Protein backbone atom coordinates (compact mmCIF):
# COMPACT_ATOMS: atom_id res chain seq x y z
CA MET A 1 115.05 -135.40 21.78
CA ASN A 2 118.44 -134.57 23.28
CA ILE A 3 118.75 -131.62 20.87
CA LEU A 4 115.37 -130.24 22.01
CA LYS A 5 116.37 -130.70 25.64
CA THR A 6 119.64 -128.87 25.00
CA ILE A 7 117.82 -125.96 23.30
CA TRP A 8 115.21 -125.83 26.12
CA THR A 9 117.78 -125.73 28.90
CA GLY A 10 119.90 -123.23 26.99
CA LEU A 11 117.13 -120.66 26.56
CA ASP A 12 117.33 -117.40 28.50
CA TRP A 13 114.05 -117.23 30.40
CA SER A 14 114.91 -114.05 32.28
CA VAL A 15 113.04 -111.76 29.86
CA LEU A 16 109.88 -113.87 30.07
CA THR A 17 109.95 -114.20 33.86
CA ASP A 18 110.70 -110.49 34.25
CA THR A 19 107.76 -109.62 31.97
CA LEU A 20 105.38 -111.91 33.89
CA PHE A 21 106.55 -110.45 37.21
CA ASN A 22 105.78 -106.96 35.87
CA LEU A 23 102.23 -107.73 34.72
CA LEU A 24 100.47 -107.37 38.09
CA PRO A 25 102.18 -104.07 39.00
CA ALA A 26 101.55 -102.77 35.47
CA LEU A 27 97.84 -103.58 35.74
CA LEU A 28 97.60 -101.69 39.03
CA CYS A 29 99.45 -98.66 37.62
CA VAL A 30 97.33 -98.26 34.49
CA THR A 31 94.07 -98.95 36.36
CA LEU A 32 94.69 -96.23 38.95
CA HIS A 33 95.89 -93.87 36.20
CA GLU A 34 92.64 -94.13 34.24
CA LEU A 35 90.47 -94.13 37.36
CA ALA A 36 92.13 -90.86 38.42
CA HIS A 37 91.24 -89.29 35.06
CA GLY A 38 87.61 -90.30 35.46
CA LEU A 39 87.35 -89.12 39.06
CA ALA A 40 88.93 -85.76 38.22
CA ALA A 41 86.49 -85.25 35.35
CA LEU A 42 83.56 -86.23 37.57
CA SER A 43 84.63 -83.74 40.23
CA MET A 44 84.37 -80.99 37.62
CA GLY A 45 80.94 -82.01 36.33
CA ASP A 46 81.64 -84.52 33.54
CA THR A 47 79.86 -87.83 34.16
CA THR A 48 80.96 -89.45 30.87
CA ALA A 49 83.45 -91.86 32.48
CA ARG A 50 80.98 -92.80 35.21
CA ASP A 51 78.20 -93.38 32.67
CA ALA A 52 80.55 -95.63 30.67
CA GLY A 53 81.28 -97.74 33.76
CA ARG A 54 84.93 -96.66 33.89
CA LEU A 55 85.01 -95.44 37.50
CA THR A 56 86.13 -98.85 38.71
CA LEU A 57 89.18 -100.66 40.02
CA ASN A 58 88.38 -103.59 37.71
CA PRO A 59 91.46 -103.65 35.43
CA LEU A 60 89.55 -105.38 32.62
CA ARG A 61 87.51 -102.19 32.11
CA HIS A 62 90.69 -100.23 31.41
CA LEU A 63 92.84 -102.86 29.74
CA ASP A 64 94.64 -102.29 26.46
CA LEU A 65 96.71 -105.42 25.77
CA GLY A 66 99.28 -103.64 23.63
CA GLY A 67 99.81 -100.89 26.17
CA LEU A 68 100.01 -103.40 29.04
CA LEU A 69 102.69 -105.43 27.25
CA MET A 70 104.64 -102.25 26.53
CA MET A 71 104.48 -101.47 30.25
CA ALA A 72 105.60 -104.96 31.26
CA VAL A 73 108.46 -105.18 28.74
CA PHE A 74 109.63 -101.59 28.11
CA HIS A 75 108.20 -99.93 31.28
CA PHE A 76 106.34 -97.33 29.17
CA GLY A 77 102.77 -97.96 28.07
CA TRP A 78 99.11 -97.02 28.30
CA ALA A 79 95.56 -98.22 29.03
CA LYS A 80 92.26 -97.71 27.22
CA PRO A 81 91.59 -93.97 27.59
CA VAL A 82 88.74 -92.94 29.88
CA PRO A 83 86.11 -91.04 27.86
CA VAL A 84 85.93 -87.35 28.74
CA ASN A 85 83.60 -84.66 27.39
CA MET A 86 85.50 -81.42 27.88
CA TYR A 87 82.44 -79.33 26.99
CA ARG A 88 80.79 -80.37 30.26
CA PHE A 89 83.48 -78.46 32.14
CA ARG A 90 82.82 -74.84 33.08
CA LYS A 91 86.22 -74.01 31.58
CA PRO A 92 86.81 -76.73 28.95
CA LYS A 93 90.56 -76.31 28.33
CA GLU A 94 91.46 -75.87 31.98
CA GLY A 95 89.22 -78.78 32.96
CA MET A 96 90.84 -80.99 30.36
CA ALA A 97 94.32 -80.04 31.57
CA LEU A 98 93.46 -80.85 35.20
CA THR A 99 91.84 -84.13 34.17
CA ALA A 100 94.96 -85.02 32.19
CA LEU A 101 97.29 -84.17 35.09
CA ALA A 102 95.30 -86.38 37.48
CA GLY A 103 96.63 -89.55 35.80
CA PRO A 104 100.38 -88.89 36.19
CA ALA A 105 99.77 -87.40 39.65
CA SER A 106 98.09 -90.63 40.76
CA ASN A 107 101.08 -92.62 39.51
CA LEU A 108 103.56 -90.53 41.45
CA LEU A 109 101.41 -90.82 44.59
CA LEU A 110 101.25 -94.60 44.12
CA SER A 111 105.05 -94.70 43.75
CA ALA A 112 105.47 -92.68 46.94
CA LEU A 113 103.11 -94.99 48.87
CA CYS A 114 104.83 -98.15 47.60
CA LEU A 115 108.27 -96.84 48.55
CA LEU A 116 107.09 -95.83 52.01
CA LEU A 117 105.75 -99.35 52.53
CA TYR A 118 108.91 -100.83 51.01
CA GLY A 119 111.13 -99.06 53.52
CA LEU A 120 108.87 -99.98 56.43
CA LEU A 121 108.71 -103.66 55.48
CA VAL A 122 112.36 -104.33 54.64
CA PRO A 123 113.46 -105.00 58.26
CA PRO A 124 110.71 -107.54 59.12
CA LEU A 125 110.45 -109.21 55.69
CA TYR A 126 113.96 -109.27 54.25
CA GLY A 127 115.43 -112.77 54.23
CA SER A 128 112.21 -114.75 53.82
CA GLY A 129 111.13 -116.04 50.41
CA ALA A 130 107.55 -114.71 50.51
CA GLY A 131 108.71 -111.49 52.14
CA GLU A 132 111.30 -110.76 49.47
CA TYR A 133 108.71 -111.50 46.76
CA ALA A 134 106.36 -108.94 48.35
CA LEU A 135 109.18 -106.40 48.59
CA GLY A 136 110.02 -107.01 44.94
CA LEU A 137 106.41 -106.35 43.92
CA LEU A 138 106.34 -103.08 45.88
CA TYR A 139 109.62 -101.93 44.33
CA ARG A 140 108.56 -102.81 40.79
CA THR A 141 105.17 -101.18 41.24
CA ALA A 142 106.90 -98.00 42.39
CA TRP A 143 109.28 -98.03 39.42
CA LEU A 144 106.61 -98.82 36.82
CA SER A 145 104.24 -96.23 38.26
CA THR A 146 106.96 -93.58 38.14
CA ALA A 147 107.78 -94.55 34.55
CA LEU A 148 104.10 -94.39 33.53
CA GLY A 149 103.67 -90.97 35.15
CA VAL A 150 106.77 -89.54 33.47
CA PHE A 151 105.88 -91.09 30.10
CA ASN A 152 102.39 -89.60 30.12
CA LEU A 153 103.73 -86.11 30.77
CA LEU A 154 105.34 -86.08 27.32
CA PRO A 155 103.73 -83.32 25.21
CA VAL A 156 102.93 -85.77 22.41
CA PRO A 157 99.29 -86.57 21.54
CA PRO A 158 97.43 -88.48 22.88
CA LEU A 159 99.49 -88.43 26.09
CA ASP A 160 98.42 -86.30 29.05
CA GLY A 161 101.26 -83.81 28.64
CA SER A 162 99.89 -82.75 25.25
CA LYS A 163 96.52 -81.85 26.77
CA VAL A 164 98.24 -79.68 29.36
CA LEU A 165 100.34 -77.98 26.68
CA PHE A 166 97.38 -77.49 24.34
CA SER A 167 95.41 -75.79 27.12
CA LEU A 168 97.87 -72.89 26.91
CA LEU A 169 97.02 -72.26 23.25
CA SER A 170 94.27 -70.16 21.71
CA ASP A 171 90.87 -71.79 21.24
CA ARG A 172 91.39 -71.97 17.47
CA ALA A 173 94.81 -73.61 17.74
CA TYR A 174 93.54 -75.94 20.46
CA ALA A 175 90.63 -77.17 18.32
CA LYS A 176 92.94 -77.72 15.34
CA LEU A 177 95.51 -79.70 17.31
CA MET A 178 92.85 -81.82 19.02
CA TYR A 179 91.54 -82.70 15.55
CA TYR A 180 94.95 -84.12 14.61
CA GLU A 181 95.35 -85.91 17.96
CA ARG A 182 94.36 -89.22 16.36
CA TYR A 183 97.63 -89.23 14.38
CA GLY A 184 99.73 -88.57 17.46
CA GLN A 185 99.77 -92.20 18.55
CA ILE A 186 101.34 -93.22 15.24
CA VAL A 187 104.08 -90.64 15.75
CA LEU A 188 104.52 -91.79 19.34
CA MET A 189 104.89 -95.45 18.34
CA VAL A 190 107.46 -94.56 15.69
CA LEU A 191 109.48 -92.55 18.22
CA LEU A 192 109.32 -95.38 20.77
CA PHE A 193 110.34 -98.17 18.41
CA ALA A 194 113.05 -96.01 16.86
CA GLY A 195 114.54 -95.62 20.32
CA VAL A 196 114.44 -91.82 20.19
CA LEU A 197 112.63 -91.51 23.51
CA SER A 198 114.27 -94.36 25.41
CA ARG A 199 117.29 -92.55 26.80
CA PRO A 200 115.60 -89.26 27.83
CA LEU A 201 112.66 -91.14 29.36
CA SER A 202 114.98 -93.46 31.30
CA THR A 203 117.06 -90.50 32.50
CA VAL A 204 114.08 -88.48 33.74
CA THR A 205 112.37 -91.52 35.26
CA GLY A 206 115.57 -92.44 37.08
CA ALA A 207 115.96 -88.91 38.44
CA VAL A 208 112.36 -88.76 39.70
CA PHE A 209 112.60 -92.26 41.18
CA GLU A 210 115.81 -91.38 42.98
CA ARG A 211 114.08 -88.44 44.65
CA LEU A 212 111.15 -90.62 45.66
CA MET A 213 113.55 -93.22 47.09
CA GLY A 214 114.20 -90.70 49.86
CA LEU A 215 110.78 -91.75 51.22
CA ALA A 216 111.91 -95.37 51.35
CA GLN A 217 115.05 -94.37 53.23
CA TRP A 218 113.02 -92.32 55.71
CA SER A 219 110.55 -95.14 56.39
CA PHE A 220 113.40 -97.67 56.57
CA ASP A 221 115.11 -95.60 59.28
CA LEU A 222 111.78 -95.43 61.10
CA ALA A 223 111.27 -99.19 60.78
CA LYS A 224 114.69 -99.90 62.29
CA GLU A 225 113.48 -98.14 65.43
CA LEU A 226 110.28 -100.23 65.43
CA TYR A 227 112.04 -103.54 64.68
CA PRO A 228 115.39 -103.35 66.50
């Protein structure tokens, strides 16, 4: 019994607690990402996502457990893709590219909003237990949302960046590459687990996040005037 107690108290729980703390922000990030895809497609005439019941803030409708865990642990992941019928767009390739861009754009907007709120709320909330927990959630949501947006801009199928890149190709090349899109996720997983993408993704995410942090500094300076 003493041995088990020693092992239990000696375990490093930081990874588990960090992962659990990331789950709620990760759910919000992937839900808004997929909802943005569906709304963009709907605005251009494709009702597929709406008909499938995917124009919702209910995270269970968008949840992919593997992608959510990747988000919580590695800060790069995915949700269940929103169905889109590109042939309902007046210009299929351009419509698909705009629909794809809507997801990462929503993540960057969410990051900006969270950092604005973070800066505004630091003066009144810093120093209290519940307040610091709320600030931590805002900061993590901003970071995870930035990471998700950057990750999805990679030009690797089935990520959003590939759809933008493919839209620049001829119709024949586009159709051929979309046919092989199903194999892209296998390539993507290999690259992720091999660690090939970790450093460049972290570098770009850090650079984008640093620029967005300027919003937090601006709102923090404003809040100091409001809460002297």
